[in-house]
């Protein structure tokens, strides 16, 4: 089922975990930094078939918590 306003990202350095985030995060500078890291690591060839961000799960959760404030 497709739902507007959200996207799935895969987070993790080794094992990937799927997170659902609002597309509004794409405008956040902190999230854009993560996207740049993903581009450097994977280019446009994402092994999971989706947006994969190479950071630790703890770092991602901390970052998302910061954006919600």
N, C-alpha and C. Protein backbone atom coordinates (compact mmCIF):
# COMPACT_ATOMS: atom_id res chain seq x y z
N UNK A 1 0.84 -1.17 0.00
CA UNK A 1 0.00 0.00 0.00
C UNK A 1 0.89 1.24 0.00
N UNK A 2 0.62 2.17 -0.87
CA UNK A 2 1.38 3.41 -0.98
C UNK A 2 0.72 4.48 -0.13
N UNK A 3 1.52 5.17 0.63
CA UNK A 3 1.00 6.24 1.47
C UNK A 3 1.77 7.51 1.17
N UNK A 4 1.06 8.58 0.92
CA UNK A 4 1.70 9.86 0.58
C UNK A 4 2.36 10.48 1.79
N UNK A 5 3.47 11.16 1.52
CA UNK A 5 4.12 11.94 2.56
C UNK A 5 5.14 11.19 3.39
N UNK A 6 5.39 9.92 3.06
CA UNK A 6 6.40 9.15 3.80
C UNK A 6 7.30 8.43 2.81
N UNK A 7 8.48 8.04 3.29
CA UNK A 7 9.36 7.21 2.49
C UNK A 7 10.10 6.25 3.39
N UNK A 8 10.51 5.14 2.81
CA UNK A 8 11.27 4.14 3.55
C UNK A 8 12.75 4.35 3.30
N UNK A 9 13.52 4.27 4.36
CA UNK A 9 14.98 4.31 4.25
C UNK A 9 15.53 3.11 5.00
N UNK A 10 16.66 2.63 4.53
CA UNK A 10 17.34 1.52 5.18
C UNK A 10 18.58 2.06 5.86
N UNK A 11 18.70 1.78 7.15
CA UNK A 11 19.75 2.35 7.99
C UNK A 11 20.61 1.22 8.55
N UNK A 12 21.90 1.46 8.58
CA UNK A 12 22.80 0.52 9.22
C UNK A 12 24.10 0.39 8.47
N UNK A 13 25.12 0.04 9.19
CA UNK A 13 26.43 -0.13 8.58
C UNK A 13 26.59 -1.54 8.04
N UNK A 14 26.03 -2.52 8.71
CA UNK A 14 26.15 -3.91 8.28
C UNK A 14 24.76 -4.49 8.03
N UNK A 15 24.00 -4.69 9.10
CA UNK A 15 22.62 -5.14 8.94
C UNK A 15 21.75 -3.92 8.75
N UNK A 16 20.90 -3.97 7.77
CA UNK A 16 20.05 -2.81 7.45
C UNK A 16 18.68 -2.97 8.09
N UNK A 17 18.21 -1.87 8.69
CA UNK A 17 16.88 -1.85 9.30
C UNK A 17 16.05 -0.80 8.57
N UNK A 18 14.80 -1.11 8.31
CA UNK A 18 13.91 -0.23 7.56
C UNK A 18 13.21 0.74 8.51
N UNK A 19 13.27 2.03 8.16
CA UNK A 19 12.58 3.08 8.90
C UNK A 19 11.67 3.82 7.94
N UNK A 20 10.54 4.27 8.43
CA UNK A 20 9.61 5.09 7.66
C UNK A 20 9.73 6.51 8.20
N UNK A 21 10.01 7.46 7.30
CA UNK A 21 10.18 8.85 7.71
C UNK A 21 9.32 9.76 6.84
N UNK A 22 8.93 10.90 7.36
CA UNK A 22 8.17 11.87 6.55
C UNK A 22 9.05 12.45 5.45
N UNK A 23 8.50 12.68 4.27
CA UNK A 23 9.28 13.27 3.18
C UNK A 23 9.74 14.68 3.54
N UNK A 24 9.11 15.32 4.49
CA UNK A 24 9.54 16.66 4.91
C UNK A 24 10.98 16.64 5.44
N UNK A 25 11.46 15.47 5.89
CA UNK A 25 12.84 15.36 6.36
C UNK A 25 13.84 15.63 5.25
N UNK A 26 13.43 15.47 4.00
CA UNK A 26 14.33 15.71 2.87
C UNK A 26 14.80 17.16 2.82
N UNK A 27 14.06 18.07 3.44
CA UNK A 27 14.43 19.48 3.48
C UNK A 27 15.30 19.85 4.67
N UNK A 28 15.49 18.92 5.59
CA UNK A 28 16.27 19.19 6.80
C UNK A 28 17.77 19.06 6.52
N UNK A 29 18.57 20.07 6.91
CA UNK A 29 20.02 20.01 6.67
C UNK A 29 20.69 18.76 7.25
N UNK A 30 20.28 18.32 8.44
CA UNK A 30 20.88 17.13 9.04
C UNK A 30 20.61 15.89 8.19
N UNK A 31 19.40 15.78 7.68
CA UNK A 31 19.03 14.64 6.84
C UNK A 31 19.74 14.73 5.49
N UNK A 32 19.88 15.94 4.97
CA UNK A 32 20.59 16.12 3.71
C UNK A 32 22.05 15.70 3.83
N UNK A 33 22.66 15.92 5.00
CA UNK A 33 24.03 15.44 5.22
C UNK A 33 24.09 13.92 5.11
N UNK A 34 23.09 13.24 5.67
CA UNK A 34 23.05 11.78 5.56
C UNK A 34 22.89 11.34 4.10
N UNK A 35 22.07 12.07 3.36
CA UNK A 35 21.88 11.74 1.94
C UNK A 35 23.17 11.91 1.16
N UNK A 36 23.96 12.92 1.50
CA UNK A 36 25.26 13.10 0.85
C UNK A 36 26.19 11.93 1.16
N UNK A 37 26.16 11.47 2.40
CA UNK A 37 26.97 10.30 2.78
C UNK A 37 26.54 9.07 1.98
N UNK A 38 25.24 8.91 1.82
CA UNK A 38 24.72 7.77 1.06
C UNK A 38 25.16 7.86 -0.40
N UNK A 39 25.13 9.06 -0.96
CA UNK A 39 25.55 9.24 -2.35
C UNK A 39 27.03 8.92 -2.51
N UNK A 40 27.86 9.36 -1.56
CA UNK A 40 29.29 9.06 -1.61
C UNK A 40 29.56 7.56 -1.51
N UNK A 41 28.79 6.89 -0.66
CA UNK A 41 28.98 5.46 -0.42
C UNK A 41 28.46 4.60 -1.56
N UNK A 42 27.25 4.91 -2.04
CA UNK A 42 26.58 4.03 -2.98
C UNK A 42 26.35 4.64 -4.37
N UNK A 43 26.47 5.94 -4.50
CA UNK A 43 26.08 6.57 -5.76
C UNK A 43 24.59 6.37 -5.94
N UNK A 44 24.21 5.95 -7.12
CA UNK A 44 22.79 5.70 -7.37
C UNK A 44 22.49 4.21 -7.45
N UNK A 45 23.42 3.38 -7.05
CA UNK A 45 23.26 1.93 -7.07
C UNK A 45 23.06 1.44 -5.65
N UNK A 46 21.84 1.51 -5.17
CA UNK A 46 21.55 1.11 -3.80
C UNK A 46 21.31 -0.40 -3.74
N UNK A 47 22.11 -1.12 -2.95
CA UNK A 47 21.99 -2.58 -2.89
C UNK A 47 20.66 -3.09 -2.34
N UNK A 48 19.96 -2.26 -1.55
CA UNK A 48 18.70 -2.71 -0.97
C UNK A 48 17.51 -2.41 -1.89
N UNK A 49 17.76 -1.75 -3.01
CA UNK A 49 16.67 -1.40 -3.90
C UNK A 49 15.90 -0.18 -3.43
N UNK A 50 16.38 0.46 -2.40
CA UNK A 50 15.76 1.65 -1.85
C UNK A 50 16.83 2.59 -1.34
N UNK A 51 16.45 3.61 -0.66
CA UNK A 51 17.39 4.57 -0.12
C UNK A 51 18.09 3.96 1.08
N UNK A 52 19.39 3.75 0.94
CA UNK A 52 20.19 3.14 2.01
C UNK A 52 21.14 4.19 2.54
N UNK A 53 21.15 4.38 3.85
CA UNK A 53 22.00 5.38 4.49
C UNK A 53 23.00 4.65 5.39
N UNK A 54 24.30 4.82 5.12
CA UNK A 54 25.32 4.09 5.85
C UNK A 54 25.71 4.76 7.17
N UNK A 55 24.85 4.68 8.15
CA UNK A 55 25.18 5.19 9.48
C UNK A 55 24.62 4.20 10.50
N UNK A 56 25.04 4.36 11.72
CA UNK A 56 24.54 3.44 12.75
C UNK A 56 23.08 3.76 13.06
N UNK A 57 22.39 2.77 13.51
CA UNK A 57 20.98 2.94 13.88
C UNK A 57 20.85 3.96 15.01
N UNK A 58 21.75 3.90 15.98
CA UNK A 58 21.71 4.85 17.10
C UNK A 58 21.88 6.29 16.62
N UNK A 59 22.82 6.50 15.70
CA UNK A 59 23.04 7.84 15.16
C UNK A 59 21.80 8.34 14.44
N UNK A 60 21.17 7.49 13.64
CA UNK A 60 19.98 7.88 12.90
C UNK A 60 18.84 8.23 13.85
N UNK A 61 18.62 7.42 14.86
CA UNK A 61 17.55 7.68 15.83
C UNK A 61 17.80 9.00 16.55
N UNK A 62 19.04 9.26 16.93
CA UNK A 62 19.39 10.53 17.58
C UNK A 62 19.12 11.70 16.64
N UNK A 63 19.50 11.56 15.39
CA UNK A 63 19.30 12.62 14.40
C UNK A 63 17.81 12.90 14.19
N UNK A 64 17.02 11.85 14.04
CA UNK A 64 15.57 12.01 13.84
C UNK A 64 14.93 12.65 15.07
N UNK A 65 15.39 12.27 16.24
CA UNK A 65 14.88 12.89 17.48
C UNK A 65 15.17 14.37 17.50
N UNK A 66 16.35 14.76 17.04
CA UNK A 66 16.73 16.17 16.98
C UNK A 66 15.85 16.94 16.01
N UNK A 67 15.50 16.33 14.91
CA UNK A 67 14.67 17.00 13.90
C UNK A 67 13.24 17.17 14.39
N UNK A 68 12.77 16.31 15.24
CA UNK A 68 11.38 16.39 15.74
C UNK A 68 11.19 17.50 16.75
N UNK A 69 12.27 17.99 17.34
CA UNK A 69 12.18 19.04 18.38
C UNK A 69 11.85 20.38 17.80
